[in-house]
Amino acid sequence: KFDARLFEQALADARALVAAHPASPVAIDGHYLIAKSLASLGRSPEAIGAYVEIQSRFKGDPRAAEAAFQQAKLVQAADSKKTTEEAKRLYAECAASYPGSPWSARALAAKAEIEREQRATVRDAALGATVPSALATYRDLTARFPADPVAEKAWWELGQMYEDEKRWDLAAAAYEKLTQHFPQTRLDAWFQLAEIYERRLKDAARAKQAYGKVPTTSAHFKEAQKKAGS
């Protein structure tokens, strides 16, 4: 019924299911269907409440992390300054409360996107400078979930931000990690890495090696081939 977009009927059936079988192994599926149906009906406050209830009722279930993420996503969808701040807080809370869940990685990625849009900054003790808040969030994400699908973009953004801070060593390390964890990446990490080695770190041997690994999909492939052979 949900797939057929009969959301009112799906909602009624799901509510009847969880009322009749609260201890059933499929009760959590019923609660999720309630939340999804409410969201699809445009009843966001009730859907948010349903996701909060899932987290409360099923604390030990791996899907509680998903409920936390979906709660934050619905709050963010309200698209106001106040709700965006609340969503950012909820994403951070999701990442902290469910540290081993892949939903935490998604939450950190979503939090970083908000921080980028806000152009928020923070004093970073590790770098001894004021940096974009997203840099710290991407660093946390890649440290905890280096090979998660959302980490591919996070490694790239981290490299770009380190370049902005003129931390060429850290930028190179981020691009190297990107290529290690995502060898088939279509992001231009090999070329960026080669350029840093050549222009910034003055390491001709590593630069030549990196230029040689720039894939054919790169817009800089021909340039890289020339430099690799020179």
C-alpha atoms as a PDB file:
ATOM      1  CA  LYS A   1       0.000   0.000   0.000  1.00  0.00           C
ATOM      2  CA  PHE A   2       2.839   2.387   0.748  1.00  0.00           C
ATOM      3  CA  ASP A   3       4.536   1.563  -2.549  1.00  0.00           C
ATOM      4  CA  ALA A   4       1.202   2.200  -4.273  1.00  0.00           C
ATOM      5  CA  ARG A   5       1.167   5.622  -2.597  1.00  0.00           C
ATOM      6  CA  LEU A   6      -1.859   4.703  -0.491  1.00  0.00           C
ATOM      7  CA  PHE A   7      -0.247   6.389   2.473  1.00  0.00           C
ATOM      8  CA  GLU A   8      -3.352   6.772   4.644  1.00  0.00           C
ATOM      9  CA  GLN A   9      -4.120   3.059   4.340  1.00  0.00           C
ATOM     10  CA  ALA A  10      -0.496   2.088   4.975  1.00  0.00           C
ATOM     11  CA  LEU A  11      -0.464   4.305   8.057  1.00  0.00           C
ATOM     12  CA  ALA A  12      -3.673   2.763   9.432  1.00  0.00           C
ATOM     13  CA  ASP A  13      -2.429  -0.785   8.867  1.00  0.00           C
ATOM     14  CA  ALA A  14       0.973  -0.079  10.414  1.00  0.00           C
ATOM     15  CA  ARG A  15      -0.611   1.461  13.487  1.00  0.00           C
ATOM     16  CA  ALA A  16      -2.915  -1.525  13.864  1.00  0.00           C
ATOM     17  CA  LEU A  17       0.067  -3.869  13.558  1.00  0.00           C
ATOM     18  CA  VAL A  18       2.168  -2.232  16.276  1.00  0.00           C
ATOM     19  CA  ALA A  19      -0.838  -1.908  18.566  1.00  0.00           C
ATOM     20  CA  ALA A  20      -1.693  -5.602  18.233  1.00  0.00           C
ATOM     21  CA  HIS A  21       1.877  -6.949  18.235  1.00  0.00           C
ATOM     22  CA  PRO A  22       4.139  -4.507  20.142  1.00  0.00           C
ATOM     23  CA  ALA A  23       6.695  -7.208  20.996  1.00  0.00           C
ATOM     24  CA  SER A  24       6.840  -8.755  17.532  1.00  0.00           C
ATOM     25  CA  PRO A  25      10.188  -8.836  15.690  1.00  0.00           C
ATOM     26  CA  VAL A  26       8.488  -6.897  12.890  1.00  0.00           C
ATOM     27  CA  ALA A  27       7.166  -4.174  15.216  1.00  0.00           C
ATOM     28  CA  ILE A  28      10.082  -1.924  14.300  1.00  0.00           C
ATOM     29  CA  ASP A  29       9.136  -2.271  10.625  1.00  0.00           C
ATOM     30  CA  GLY A  30       5.651  -1.140  11.536  1.00  0.00           C
ATOM     31  CA  HIS A  31       7.007   1.899  13.359  1.00  0.00           C
ATOM     32  CA  TYR A  32       9.170   2.768  10.363  1.00  0.00           C
ATOM     33  CA  LEU A  33       6.172   2.485   8.073  1.00  0.00           C
ATOM     34  CA  ILE A  34       4.268   4.840  10.359  1.00  0.00           C
ATOM     35  CA  ALA A  35       7.071   7.399  10.196  1.00  0.00           C
ATOM     36  CA  LYS A  36       7.502   7.090   6.438  1.00  0.00           C
ATOM     37  CA  SER A  37       3.758   7.335   5.811  1.00  0.00           C
ATOM     38  CA  LEU A  38       3.434  10.435   7.969  1.00  0.00           C
ATOM     39  CA  ALA A  39       6.364  12.059   6.169  1.00  0.00           C
ATOM     40  CA  SER A  40       4.866  11.204   2.779  1.00  0.00           C
ATOM     41  CA  LEU A  41       1.573  12.750   3.869  1.00  0.00           C
ATOM     42  CA  GLY A  42       3.392  15.990   4.719  1.00  0.00           C
ATOM     43  CA  ARG A  43       2.834  15.525   8.442  1.00  0.00           C
ATOM     44  CA  SER A  44       6.452  16.202   9.323  1.00  0.00           C
ATOM     45  CA  PRO A  45       6.072  17.006  13.057  1.00  0.00           C
ATOM     46  CA  GLU A  46       4.283  13.696  13.596  1.00  0.00           C
ATOM     47  CA  ALA A  47       6.853  11.846  11.492  1.00  0.00           C
ATOM     48  CA  ILE A  48       9.649  13.373  13.558  1.00  0.00           C
ATOM     49  CA  GLY A  49       7.864  12.190  16.694  1.00  0.00           C
ATOM     50  CA  ALA A  50       7.582   8.694  15.201  1.00  0.00           C
ATOM     51  CA  TYR A  51      11.342   8.585  14.579  1.00  0.00           C
ATOM     52  CA  VAL A  52      11.983   9.776  18.138  1.00  0.00           C
ATOM     53  CA  GLU A  53       9.732   6.962  19.371  1.00  0.00           C
ATOM     54  CA  ILE A  54      11.737   4.396  17.393  1.00  0.00           C
ATOM     55  CA  GLN A  55      14.944   5.569  19.054  1.00  0.00           C
ATOM     56  CA  SER A  56      13.291   5.317  22.465  1.00  0.00           C
ATOM     57  CA  ARG A  57      11.604   1.939  21.959  1.00  0.00           C
ATOM     58  CA  PHE A  58      14.424   0.194  20.099  1.00  0.00           C
ATOM     59  CA  LYS A  59      17.597   1.603  21.647  1.00  0.00           C
ATOM     60  CA  GLY A  60      19.611  -1.543  21.038  1.00  0.00           C
ATOM     61  CA  ASP A  61      18.497  -2.022  17.449  1.00  0.00           C
ATOM     62  CA  PRO A  62      20.926  -0.992  14.681  1.00  0.00           C
ATOM     63  CA  ARG A  63      18.070   0.837  12.950  1.00  0.00           C
ATOM     64  CA  ALA A  64      17.795   3.326  15.810  1.00  0.00           C
ATOM     65  CA  ALA A  65      20.698   5.164  14.175  1.00  0.00           C
ATOM     66  CA  GLU A  66      18.752   5.368  10.926  1.00  0.00           C
ATOM     67  CA  ALA A  67      15.796   6.830  12.811  1.00  0.00           C
ATOM     68  CA  ALA A  68      18.071   9.483  14.316  1.00  0.00           C
ATOM     69  CA  PHE A  69      19.371  10.383  10.861  1.00  0.00           C
ATOM     70  CA  GLN A  70      15.888  10.540   9.338  1.00  0.00           C
ATOM     71  CA  GLN A  71      14.701  12.709  12.221  1.00  0.00           C
ATOM     72  CA  ALA A  72      17.498  15.206  11.517  1.00  0.00           C
ATOM     73  CA  LYS A  73      16.781  15.103   7.790  1.00  0.00           C
ATOM     74  CA  LEU A  74      13.121  15.981   8.337  1.00  0.00           C
ATOM     75  CA  VAL A  75      14.058  18.832  10.656  1.00  0.00           C
ATOM     76  CA  GLN A  76      16.496  20.148   8.046  1.00  0.00           C
ATOM     77  CA  ALA A  77      13.816  19.972   5.345  1.00  0.00           C
ATOM     78  CA  ALA A  78      11.855  22.702   7.155  1.00  0.00           C
ATOM     79  CA  ASP A  79      14.535  24.991   5.697  1.00  0.00           C
ATOM     80  CA  SER A  80      14.740  27.823   8.194  1.00  0.00           C
ATOM     81  CA  LYS A  81      17.728  29.192  10.077  1.00  0.00           C
ATOM     82  CA  LYS A  82      16.430  27.786  13.346  1.00  0.00           C
ATOM     83  CA  THR A  83      15.657  24.313  11.996  1.00  0.00           C
ATOM     84  CA  THR A  84      18.957  24.143  10.122  1.00  0.00           C
ATOM     85  CA  GLU A  85      20.809  24.737  13.373  1.00  0.00           C
ATOM     86  CA  GLU A  86      18.684  22.100  15.083  1.00  0.00           C
ATOM     87  CA  ALA A  87      19.337  19.646  12.240  1.00  0.00           C
ATOM     88  CA  LYS A  88      23.078  20.235  12.563  1.00  0.00           C
ATOM     89  CA  ARG A  89      22.840  19.482  16.273  1.00  0.00           C
ATOM     90  CA  LEU A  90      20.824  16.329  15.610  1.00  0.00           C
ATOM     91  CA  TYR A  91      23.290  15.092  12.995  1.00  0.00           C
ATOM     92  CA  ALA A  92      26.112  15.595  15.507  1.00  0.00           C
ATOM     93  CA  GLU A  93      24.072  13.772  18.138  1.00  0.00           C
ATOM     94  CA  CYS A  94      23.424  10.866  15.750  1.00  0.00           C
ATOM     95  CA  ALA A  95      27.149  10.553  15.008  1.00  0.00           C
ATOM     96  CA  ALA A  96      28.005  10.612  18.720  1.00  0.00           C
ATOM     97  CA  SER A  97      25.237   8.271  19.874  1.00  0.00           C
ATOM     98  CA  TYR A  98      25.797   5.562  17.248  1.00  0.00           C
ATOM     99  CA  PRO A  99      29.565   5.689  16.616  1.00  0.00           C
ATOM    100  CA  GLY A 100      29.749   2.325  14.852  1.00  0.00           C
ATOM    101  CA  SER A 101      26.828   2.815  12.498  1.00  0.00           C
ATOM    102  CA  PRO A 102      27.190   3.796   8.829  1.00  0.00           C
ATOM    103  CA  TRP A 103      24.340   6.229   9.510  1.00  0.00           C
ATOM    104  CA  SER A 104      26.797   8.133  11.672  1.00  0.00           C
ATOM    105  CA  ALA A 105      29.001   8.614   8.616  1.00  0.00           C
ATOM    106  CA  ARG A 106      26.026   9.964   6.691  1.00  0.00           C
ATOM    107  CA  ALA A 107      25.151  12.224   9.600  1.00  0.00           C
ATOM    108  CA  LEU A 108      28.660  13.686   9.658  1.00  0.00           C
ATOM    109  CA  ALA A 109      28.545  14.240   5.893  1.00  0.00           C
ATOM    110  CA  ALA A 110      25.195  16.013   6.200  1.00  0.00           C
ATOM    111  CA  LYS A 111      26.493  18.131   9.098  1.00  0.00           C
ATOM    112  CA  ALA A 112      29.545  19.130   7.059  1.00  0.00           C
ATOM    113  CA  GLU A 113      27.341  20.187   4.129  1.00  0.00           C
ATOM    114  CA  ILE A 114      25.366  22.496   6.436  1.00  0.00           C
ATOM    115  CA  GLU A 115      28.599  23.943   7.812  1.00  0.00           C
ATOM    116  CA  ARG A 116      29.873  24.593   4.293  1.00  0.00           C
ATOM    117  CA  GLU A 117      26.668  26.389   3.337  1.00  0.00           C
ATOM    118  CA  GLN A 118      26.862  28.475   6.502  1.00  0.00           C
ATOM    119  CA  ARG A 119      30.583  29.136   5.988  1.00  0.00           C
ATOM    120  CA  ALA A 120      30.967  28.429   9.689  1.00  0.00           C
ATOM    121  CA  THR A 121      34.444  28.547  11.234  1.00  0.00           C
ATOM    122  CA  VAL A 122      36.059  27.152  14.359  1.00  0.00           C
ATOM    123  CA  ARG A 123      39.387  27.484  16.137  1.00  0.00           C
ATOM    124  CA  ASP A 124      41.195  24.221  15.412  1.00  0.00           C
ATOM    125  CA  ALA A 125      43.747  23.168  18.023  1.00  0.00           C
ATOM    126  CA  ALA A 126      45.364  20.594  15.729  1.00  0.00           C
ATOM    127  CA  LEU A 127      46.188  23.192  13.078  1.00  0.00           C
ATOM    128  CA  GLY A 128      46.553  26.141  15.428  1.00  0.00           C
ATOM    129  CA  ALA A 129      44.315  28.257  13.219  1.00  0.00           C
ATOM    130  CA  THR A 130      40.717  29.264  12.574  1.00  0.00           C
ATOM    131  CA  VAL A 131      39.393  26.952   9.875  1.00  0.00           C
ATOM    132  CA  PRO A 132      36.062  26.031   8.292  1.00  0.00           C
ATOM    133  CA  SER A 133      34.000  23.954  10.715  1.00  0.00           C
ATOM    134  CA  ALA A 134      33.431  21.484   7.899  1.00  0.00           C
ATOM    135  CA  LEU A 135      37.149  20.709   7.851  1.00  0.00           C
ATOM    136  CA  ALA A 136      36.989  19.352  11.392  1.00  0.00           C
ATOM    137  CA  THR A 137      33.846  17.389  10.585  1.00  0.00           C
ATOM    138  CA  TYR A 138      35.316  15.851   7.423  1.00  0.00           C
ATOM    139  CA  ARG A 139      38.456  14.978   9.376  1.00  0.00           C
ATOM    140  CA  ASP A 140      36.325  13.218  11.993  1.00  0.00           C
ATOM    141  CA  LEU A 141      34.339  11.399   9.308  1.00  0.00           C
ATOM    142  CA  THR A 142      37.405  10.144   7.435  1.00  0.00           C
ATOM    143  CA  ALA A 143      39.145   9.094  10.644  1.00  0.00           C
ATOM    144  CA  ARG A 144      36.175   7.026  11.780  1.00  0.00           C
ATOM    145  CA  PHE A 145      34.812   5.805   8.458  1.00  0.00           C
ATOM    146  CA  PRO A 146      37.723   5.963   5.971  1.00  0.00           C
ATOM    147  CA  ALA A 147      36.210   3.549   3.458  1.00  0.00           C
ATOM    148  CA  ASP A 148      32.502   4.333   3.821  1.00  0.00           C
ATOM    149  CA  PRO A 149      30.940   5.472   0.514  1.00  0.00           C
ATOM    150  CA  VAL A 150      30.370   8.996   1.849  1.00  0.00           C
ATOM    151  CA  ALA A 151      34.051   9.214   2.773  1.00  0.00           C
ATOM    152  CA  GLU A 152      35.077   9.416  -0.886  1.00  0.00           C
ATOM    153  CA  LYS A 153      33.808  12.979  -1.204  1.00  0.00           C
ATOM    154  CA  ALA A 154      34.913  13.749   2.357  1.00  0.00           C
ATOM    155  CA  TRP A 155      38.556  12.871   1.587  1.00  0.00           C
ATOM    156  CA  TRP A 156      38.392  15.117  -1.491  1.00  0.00           C
ATOM    157  CA  GLU A 157      36.874  18.051   0.394  1.00  0.00           C
ATOM    158  CA  LEU A 158      39.385  17.588   3.188  1.00  0.00           C
ATOM    159  CA  GLY A 159      42.221  17.774   0.668  1.00  0.00           C
ATOM    160  CA  GLN A 160      40.767  20.911  -0.880  1.00  0.00           C
ATOM    161  CA  MET A 161      40.398  22.587   2.504  1.00  0.00           C
ATOM    162  CA  TYR A 162      43.929  21.689   3.535  1.00  0.00           C
ATOM    163  CA  GLU A 163      45.108  23.262   0.284  1.00  0.00           C
ATOM    164  CA  ASP A 164      43.200  26.427   1.164  1.00  0.00           C
ATOM    165  CA  GLU A 165      45.060  26.424   4.486  1.00  0.00           C
ATOM    166  CA  LYS A 166      48.351  25.837   2.618  1.00  0.00           C
ATOM    167  CA  ARG A 167      48.898  22.612   4.545  1.00  0.00           C
ATOM    168  CA  TRP A 168      50.306  20.812   1.548  1.00  0.00           C
ATOM    169  CA  ASP A 169      51.502  17.816   3.553  1.00  0.00           C
ATOM    170  CA  LEU A 170      48.036  17.181   4.958  1.00  0.00           C
ATOM    171  CA  ALA A 171      46.378  17.803   1.592  1.00  0.00           C
ATOM    172  CA  ALA A 172      48.682  15.249  -0.035  1.00  0.00           C
ATOM    173  CA  ALA A 173      47.904  12.736   2.719  1.00  0.00           C
ATOM    174  CA  ALA A 174      44.147  13.221   2.192  1.00  0.00           C
ATOM    175  CA  TYR A 175      44.412  12.642  -1.569  1.00  0.00           C
ATOM    176  CA  GLU A 176      46.590   9.587  -0.984  1.00  0.00           C
ATOM    177  CA  LYS A 177      43.993   8.124   1.369  1.00  0.00           C
ATOM    178  CA  LEU A 178      41.295   8.846  -1.190  1.00  0.00           C
ATOM    179  CA  THR A 179      43.129   6.883  -3.868  1.00  0.00           C
ATOM    180  CA  GLN A 180      43.877   4.028  -1.441  1.00  0.00           C
ATOM    181  CA  HIS A 181      40.328   3.575  -0.212  1.00  0.00           C
ATOM    182  CA  PHE A 182      38.643   4.391  -3.537  1.00  0.00           C
ATOM    183  CA  PRO A 183      41.010   3.223  -6.298  1.00  0.00           C
ATOM    184  CA  GLN A 184      38.299   3.639  -8.945  1.00  0.00           C
ATOM    185  CA  THR A 185      37.401   7.180  -7.897  1.00  0.00           C
ATOM    186  CA  ARG A 186      36.501   9.614 -10.648  1.00  0.00           C
ATOM    187  CA  LEU A 187      37.639  12.520  -8.509  1.00  0.00           C
ATOM    188  CA  ASP A 188      40.906  13.983  -9.794  1.00  0.00           C
ATOM    189  CA  ALA A 189      42.898  12.971  -6.724  1.00  0.00           C
ATOM    190  CA  TRP A 190      45.959  11.597  -8.520  1.00  0.00           C
ATOM    191  CA  PHE A 191      46.474  14.805 -10.482  1.00  0.00           C
ATOM    192  CA  GLN A 192      45.948  16.980  -7.398  1.00  0.00           C
ATOM    193  CA  LEU A 193      48.429  14.829  -5.519  1.00  0.00           C
ATOM    194  CA  ALA A 194      50.987  15.028  -8.322  1.00  0.00           C
ATOM    195  CA  GLU A 195      50.655  18.817  -8.525  1.00  0.00           C
ATOM    196  CA  ILE A 196      51.261  19.160  -4.790  1.00  0.00           C
ATOM    197  CA  TYR A 197      54.323  16.934  -4.941  1.00  0.00           C
ATOM    198  CA  GLU A 198      55.708  18.861  -7.909  1.00  0.00           C
ATOM    199  CA  ARG A 199      54.828  22.447  -7.053  1.00  0.00           C
ATOM    200  CA  ARG A 200      54.569  22.531  -3.276  1.00  0.00           C
ATOM    201  CA  LEU A 201      56.554  19.708  -1.725  1.00  0.00           C
ATOM    202  CA  LYS A 202      59.259  19.671  -4.409  1.00  0.00           C
ATOM    203  CA  ASP A 203      59.336  15.883  -4.540  1.00  0.00           C
ATOM    204  CA  ALA A 204      59.987  15.138  -8.208  1.00  0.00           C
ATOM    205  CA  ALA A 205      60.060  11.353  -7.829  1.00  0.00           C
ATOM    206  CA  ARG A 206      56.672  11.143  -6.117  1.00  0.00           C
ATOM    207  CA  ALA A 207      55.232  13.704  -8.496  1.00  0.00           C
ATOM    208  CA  LYS A 208      56.282  11.664 -11.518  1.00  0.00           C
ATOM    209  CA  GLN A 209      54.833   8.498  -9.985  1.00  0.00           C
ATOM    210  CA  ALA A 210      51.527  10.228  -9.218  1.00  0.00           C
ATOM    211  CA  TYR A 211      51.292  11.750 -12.710  1.00  0.00           C
ATOM    212  CA  GLY A 212      51.701   8.246 -14.084  1.00  0.00           C
ATOM    213  CA  LYS A 213      48.654   7.068 -12.145  1.00  0.00           C
ATOM    214  CA  VAL A 214      46.283   9.785 -13.365  1.00  0.00           C
ATOM    215  CA  PRO A 215      43.444   7.823 -15.025  1.00  0.00           C
ATOM    216  CA  THR A 216      42.197   8.278 -18.576  1.00  0.00           C
ATOM    217  CA  THR A 217      38.943   9.706 -17.169  1.00  0.00           C
ATOM    218  CA  SER A 218      40.797  12.772 -15.890  1.00  0.00           C
ATOM    219  CA  ALA A 219      40.571  16.014 -17.843  1.00  0.00           C
ATOM    220  CA  HIS A 220      44.316  16.323 -17.150  1.00  0.00           C
ATOM    221  CA  PHE A 221      45.257  12.865 -18.454  1.00  0.00           C
ATOM    222  CA  LYS A 222      47.299  14.033 -21.461  1.00  0.00           C
ATOM    223  CA  GLU A 223      49.098  16.672 -19.420  1.00  0.00           C
ATOM    224  CA  ALA A 224      49.831  14.105 -16.726  1.00  0.00           C
ATOM    225  CA  GLN A 225      51.184  11.616 -19.270  1.00  0.00           C
ATOM    226  CA  LYS A 226      53.629  14.172 -20.599  1.00  0.00           C
ATOM    227  CA  LYS A 227      54.848  15.008 -17.106  1.00  0.00           C
ATOM    228  CA  ALA A 228      55.107  11.344 -16.156  1.00  0.00           C
ATOM    229  CA  GLY A 229      57.327  10.697 -19.154  1.00  0.00           C
ATOM    230  CA  SER A 230      59.503  13.770 -18.799  1.00  0.00           C
END
